[in-house]
């Protein structure tokens, strides 16, 4: 099954890459951009047909390795 894990910095955690992108967008003439947050998307192919089991396994992966839970949150989406 295809699984997508999205990892983002928690609210309140400084995002220097997002700030740099926001500044660059303003410089390029996009003044309407208010805030930019940068994250990462991890696409996985996971063996299994039980959607709930695959979801649980991906959540375990997120907690154990893919996200730093001190400064990041993550979501899991089973795509099918």
C-alpha atoms as a PDB file:
ATOM      1  CA  UNK A   1       0.000   0.000   0.000  1.00  0.00           C
ATOM      2  CA  UNK A   2       1.096   3.571  -0.636  1.00  0.00           C
ATOM      3  CA  UNK A   3       1.487   5.694   2.482  1.00  0.00           C
ATOM      4  CA  UNK A   4       2.336   9.382   2.784  1.00  0.00           C
ATOM      5  CA  UNK A   5       3.866  10.757   5.987  1.00  0.00           C
ATOM      6  CA  UNK A   6       3.933  14.548   6.248  1.00  0.00           C
ATOM      7  CA  UNK A   7       6.311  16.032   8.816  1.00  0.00           C
ATOM      8  CA  UNK A   8       6.101  19.705   9.835  1.00  0.00           C
ATOM      9  CA  UNK A   9       7.742  21.797  12.519  1.00  0.00           C
ATOM     10  CA  UNK A  10       5.474  22.436  15.487  1.00  0.00           C
ATOM     11  CA  UNK A  11       3.888  25.858  15.856  1.00  0.00           C
ATOM     12  CA  UNK A  12       6.252  28.169  17.669  1.00  0.00           C
ATOM     13  CA  UNK A  13       9.409  26.406  16.471  1.00  0.00           C
ATOM     14  CA  UNK A  14      11.652  28.725  14.465  1.00  0.00           C
ATOM     15  CA  UNK A  15      11.654  27.828  10.752  1.00  0.00           C
ATOM     16  CA  UNK A  16      14.650  29.612   9.160  1.00  0.00           C
ATOM     17  CA  UNK A  17      14.135  27.898   5.807  1.00  0.00           C
ATOM     18  CA  UNK A  18      10.511  29.029   5.744  1.00  0.00           C
ATOM     19  CA  UNK A  19      11.566  32.581   6.640  1.00  0.00           C
ATOM     20  CA  UNK A  20      14.123  32.598   3.809  1.00  0.00           C
ATOM     21  CA  UNK A  21      11.551  31.373   1.298  1.00  0.00           C
ATOM     22  CA  UNK A  22       9.025  33.954   2.518  1.00  0.00           C
ATOM     23  CA  UNK A  23      11.596  36.734   2.115  1.00  0.00           C
ATOM     24  CA  UNK A  24      12.518  35.504  -1.384  1.00  0.00           C
ATOM     25  CA  UNK A  25       8.853  35.400  -2.419  1.00  0.00           C
ATOM     26  CA  UNK A  26       8.363  38.996  -1.296  1.00  0.00           C
ATOM     27  CA  UNK A  27      11.520  40.003  -3.201  1.00  0.00           C
ATOM     28  CA  UNK A  28      10.133  38.299  -6.320  1.00  0.00           C
ATOM     29  CA  UNK A  29       6.911  40.305  -6.122  1.00  0.00           C
ATOM     30  CA  UNK A  30       4.583  38.079  -4.110  1.00  0.00           C
ATOM     31  CA  UNK A  31       3.737  40.418  -1.209  1.00  0.00           C
ATOM     32  CA  UNK A  32       0.548  38.581  -0.231  1.00  0.00           C
ATOM     33  CA  UNK A  33       2.397  35.643   1.321  1.00  0.00           C
ATOM     34  CA  UNK A  34       1.990  35.970   5.082  1.00  0.00           C
ATOM     35  CA  UNK A  35       3.868  32.974   6.465  1.00  0.00           C
ATOM     36  CA  UNK A  36       5.846  30.061   5.058  1.00  0.00           C
ATOM     37  CA  UNK A  37       6.496  26.794   6.882  1.00  0.00           C
ATOM     38  CA  UNK A  38       8.714  24.124   5.367  1.00  0.00           C
ATOM     39  CA  UNK A  39       8.227  20.424   6.002  1.00  0.00           C
ATOM     40  CA  UNK A  40       8.895  17.122   4.358  1.00  0.00           C
ATOM     41  CA  UNK A  41       6.803  14.445   2.686  1.00  0.00           C
ATOM     42  CA  UNK A  42       7.885  10.825   2.881  1.00  0.00           C
ATOM     43  CA  UNK A  43       6.148   8.403   0.507  1.00  0.00           C
ATOM     44  CA  UNK A  44       6.355   4.730   1.447  1.00  0.00           C
ATOM     45  CA  UNK A  45       5.345   1.467  -0.199  1.00  0.00           C
ATOM     46  CA  UNK A  46       4.296  -0.812   2.653  1.00  0.00           C
ATOM     47  CA  UNK A  47       3.374  -4.467   2.266  1.00  0.00           C
ATOM     48  CA  UNK A  48      -0.065  -5.369   3.499  1.00  0.00           C
ATOM     49  CA  UNK A  49      -3.745  -5.230   2.644  1.00  0.00           C
ATOM     50  CA  UNK A  50      -5.198  -4.307   6.046  1.00  0.00           C
ATOM     51  CA  UNK A  51      -5.559  -0.520   5.889  1.00  0.00           C
ATOM     52  CA  UNK A  52      -5.719  -0.097   9.683  1.00  0.00           C
ATOM     53  CA  UNK A  53      -2.592  -2.212  10.230  1.00  0.00           C
ATOM     54  CA  UNK A  54      -0.658  -0.277   7.585  1.00  0.00           C
ATOM     55  CA  UNK A  55      -1.821   3.024   9.153  1.00  0.00           C
ATOM     56  CA  UNK A  56      -0.627   1.854  12.584  1.00  0.00           C
ATOM     57  CA  UNK A  57       2.706   0.677  11.176  1.00  0.00           C
ATOM     58  CA  UNK A  58       3.282   4.039   9.439  1.00  0.00           C
ATOM     59  CA  UNK A  59       2.384   5.920  12.638  1.00  0.00           C
ATOM     60  CA  UNK A  60       4.936   3.814  14.507  1.00  0.00           C
ATOM     61  CA  UNK A  61       7.527   4.669  11.831  1.00  0.00           C
ATOM     62  CA  UNK A  62       6.718   8.354  12.204  1.00  0.00           C
ATOM     63  CA  UNK A  63       7.106   8.236  15.979  1.00  0.00           C
ATOM     64  CA  UNK A  64      10.240   6.044  15.977  1.00  0.00           C
ATOM     65  CA  UNK A  65      12.238   7.534  13.107  1.00  0.00           C
ATOM     66  CA  UNK A  66      10.641   9.895  10.613  1.00  0.00           C
ATOM     67  CA  UNK A  67       9.782  12.795  12.939  1.00  0.00           C
ATOM     68  CA  UNK A  68      11.603  14.418  15.829  1.00  0.00           C
ATOM     69  CA  UNK A  69       8.654  14.639  18.202  1.00  0.00           C
ATOM     70  CA  UNK A  70      10.328  17.339  20.296  1.00  0.00           C
ATOM     71  CA  UNK A  71      10.061  19.879  17.455  1.00  0.00           C
ATOM     72  CA  UNK A  72       7.925  18.205  14.755  1.00  0.00           C
ATOM     73  CA  UNK A  73       4.411  16.892  14.246  1.00  0.00           C
ATOM     74  CA  UNK A  74       3.466  14.351  11.610  1.00  0.00           C
ATOM     75  CA  UNK A  75       0.404  13.020   9.848  1.00  0.00           C
ATOM     76  CA  UNK A  76      -0.095   9.704   8.059  1.00  0.00           C
ATOM     77  CA  UNK A  77      -2.285   9.183   5.022  1.00  0.00           C
ATOM     78  CA  UNK A  78      -2.860   5.731   3.519  1.00  0.00           C
ATOM     79  CA  UNK A  79      -3.304   6.373  -0.190  1.00  0.00           C
ATOM     80  CA  UNK A  80      -4.227   2.843  -1.196  1.00  0.00           C
END
